[in-house]
Protein backbone atom coordinates (compact mmCIF):
# COMPACT_ATOMS: atom_id res chain seq x y z
CA MET A 1 -1.58 9.61 15.86
CA GLN A 2 1.09 10.14 13.19
CA SER A 3 0.16 12.22 10.10
CA GLU A 4 1.86 12.74 6.78
CA SER A 5 1.11 14.20 3.36
CA ILE A 6 0.70 11.98 0.33
CA PRO A 7 0.39 12.86 -3.37
CA ILE A 8 -2.85 12.04 -5.18
CA LEU A 9 -4.20 12.25 -8.72
CA THR A 10 -7.93 12.79 -9.28
CA ALA A 11 -9.97 11.18 -12.04
CA GLY A 12 -9.87 14.56 -13.79
CA GLY A 13 -6.08 14.62 -13.79
CA VAL A 14 -5.68 17.14 -10.99
CA ARG A 15 -2.73 16.54 -8.68
CA GLY A 16 -2.98 17.30 -5.00
CA THR A 17 -1.72 16.49 -1.56
CA TRP A 18 -3.88 14.80 1.04
CA THR A 19 -3.18 13.81 4.63
CA VAL A 20 -3.03 10.27 5.96
CA SER A 21 -3.08 9.72 9.73
CA ALA A 22 -2.28 6.39 11.33
CA SER A 23 -2.43 5.12 14.88
CA GLU A 24 1.02 4.58 16.33
CA GLU A 25 0.21 1.20 17.82
CA GLY A 26 -2.05 -1.67 16.97
CA PRO A 27 -3.73 -3.90 16.32
CA PRO A 28 -6.21 -2.77 15.55
CA TRP A 29 -4.62 -0.11 13.37
CA LEU A 30 -6.68 2.99 12.63
CA LEU A 31 -6.07 4.88 9.39
CA THR A 32 -7.70 8.11 8.20
CA LEU A 33 -7.32 9.80 4.82
CA ARG A 34 -8.32 13.47 4.52
CA ALA A 35 -8.83 15.24 1.22
CA GLU A 36 -8.13 18.93 0.65
CA ASP A 37 -11.88 19.53 0.29
CA GLY A 38 -12.62 18.05 3.75
CA ARG A 39 -13.78 14.58 2.70
CA GLU A 40 -12.52 11.83 4.97
CA TRP A 41 -12.21 8.04 4.85
CA THR A 42 -11.40 5.91 7.90
CA SER A 43 -10.58 2.24 8.26
CA GLU A 44 -9.54 -0.06 11.06
CA ALA A 45 -7.77 -3.38 10.44
CA ASP A 46 -5.22 -5.84 11.79
CA ASP A 47 -2.45 -3.94 9.94
CA LEU A 48 -1.98 -0.63 8.11
CA PHE A 49 -1.67 -2.28 4.69
CA SER A 50 -5.14 -3.85 5.08
CA ALA A 51 -6.60 -0.58 6.39
CA PHE A 52 -5.03 1.27 3.45
CA GLN A 53 -6.47 -1.23 0.97
CA GLU A 54 -9.93 -0.70 2.46
CA ILE A 55 -9.65 3.08 2.07
CA ARG A 56 -8.30 2.64 -1.46
CA ARG A 57 -11.40 0.67 -2.44
CA HIS A 58 -13.38 3.87 -1.85
CA THR A 59 -10.94 6.16 -3.65
CA ASP A 60 -10.57 3.62 -6.50
CA ALA A 61 -14.34 3.83 -7.02
CA GLU A 62 -13.96 7.59 -7.54
CA GLY A 63 -11.02 7.19 -9.92
CA ILE A 64 -8.58 8.74 -7.43
CA LYS A 65 -5.03 7.43 -7.37
CA LEU A 66 -3.08 7.54 -4.14
CA CYS A 67 0.45 7.90 -5.48
CA VAL A 68 2.37 6.05 -2.77
CA ASN A 69 4.22 2.75 -2.51
CA GLY A 70 1.27 1.05 -0.80
CA ALA A 71 -0.72 1.40 -4.03
CA ARG A 72 1.96 -0.01 -6.34
CA ARG A 73 1.17 -3.16 -8.29
CA ASP A 74 4.50 -4.73 -7.34
CA ALA A 75 4.50 -3.92 -3.60
CA HIS A 76 3.28 -6.16 -0.80
CA PRO A 77 4.13 -6.80 2.86
CA SER A 78 5.27 -10.16 4.19
CA GLY A 79 3.38 -11.85 6.97
CA MET A 80 6.14 -10.94 9.40
CA SER A 81 6.06 -7.30 8.30
CA ARG A 82 2.33 -7.29 8.97
CA ASP A 83 2.63 -9.01 12.35
CA MET A 84 5.70 -7.22 13.70
CA GLY A 85 5.51 -3.81 12.01
CA GLY A 86 1.85 -3.32 11.21
CA GLY A 87 2.45 -3.68 7.45
CA THR A 88 4.28 -0.36 7.14
CA MET A 89 7.22 -1.83 5.23
CA LEU A 90 6.57 -3.49 1.87
CA TYR A 91 8.61 -5.62 -0.46
CA VAL A 92 9.10 -4.73 -4.10
CA LEU A 93 8.33 -7.94 -5.93
CA PRO A 94 10.94 -8.72 -8.59
CA SER A 95 9.82 -9.66 -12.09
CA ARG A 96 10.91 -13.27 -11.45
CA ARG A 97 7.99 -14.93 -9.75
CA GLY A 98 7.07 -17.94 -7.74
CA PRO A 99 7.18 -19.41 -4.25
CA ARG A 100 10.95 -19.88 -4.23
CA MET A 101 11.54 -16.23 -5.13
CA LEU A 102 8.97 -15.20 -2.52
CA LEU A 103 10.84 -17.06 0.21
CA SER A 104 14.10 -15.59 -1.03
CA ILE A 105 13.04 -11.93 -0.79
CA PHE A 106 11.02 -12.34 2.42
CA LYS A 107 13.87 -14.13 4.22
CA ARG A 108 16.63 -11.77 3.09
CA PRO A 109 15.22 -8.24 3.10
CA THR A 110 17.46 -5.47 1.84
CA ARG A 111 17.10 -1.72 1.54
CA ARG A 112 16.69 -2.23 -2.21
CA ASN A 113 13.61 -4.42 -1.96
CA MET A 114 11.87 -2.85 1.07
CA ILE A 115 9.89 0.39 0.89
CA TYR A 116 7.72 2.45 3.23
CA ILE A 117 3.97 2.24 2.54
CA PHE A 118 3.34 6.02 2.40
CA ASP A 119 6.46 7.18 0.55
CA PRO A 120 5.62 8.79 -2.80
CA ALA A 121 5.54 6.62 -5.92
CA PRO A 122 4.92 7.53 -9.56
CA CYS A 123 1.17 7.84 -10.13
CA GLU A 124 1.55 5.53 -13.15
CA SER A 125 2.55 2.71 -10.78
CA ALA A 126 -0.56 3.08 -8.57
CA VAL A 127 -3.25 0.54 -9.41
CA PRO A 128 -6.65 -0.36 -7.98
CA VAL A 129 -6.67 -2.69 -4.97
CA GLU A 130 -8.11 -5.62 -6.91
CA GLU A 131 -5.35 -5.37 -9.52
CA GLN A 132 -2.71 -5.28 -6.78
CA ILE A 133 -4.23 -8.37 -5.13
CA ARG A 134 -4.46 -10.22 -8.47
CA TYR A 135 -0.83 -9.41 -9.26
CA PHE A 136 0.37 -10.69 -5.87
CA THR A 137 -1.75 -13.85 -6.12
CA ASP A 138 -0.42 -14.56 -9.62
CA TRP A 139 3.12 -13.75 -8.51
CA VAL A 140 3.00 -16.16 -5.58
CA GLY A 141 1.24 -18.87 -7.57
CA SER A 142 3.62 -18.82 -10.52
CA ASP A 143 6.65 -21.11 -10.49
CA ASP A 144 8.55 -19.45 -13.36
């Protein structure tokens, strides 16, 4: 199992570092988040992005922000990323939206628009799971 430290921000504004551990092969993918105070959340899913979203639902309810790319409003894996890489690499969704743009970025990935799920991100960019899902759904559905 691979472990790494991730930055967090509590509801009270306290910054910290927690540990996320992920299975090295899947599916199913097993993900565990450990807080500095010993609390632990575990999830198992078809890919790490889904497992991470499930854990975030619990931390969201406590007002805790996990300040990593996987919690960004504008980050989402492609189907191929989920199937072939377990959802560890995400795309940064450009401000231009719609199905044609979606096909464009998912077919031609670059280092500029792909990011690792657990790399640090500004806490201001971390949003609750439901907001992230709503943004992606709106982004895909728009034909601007």
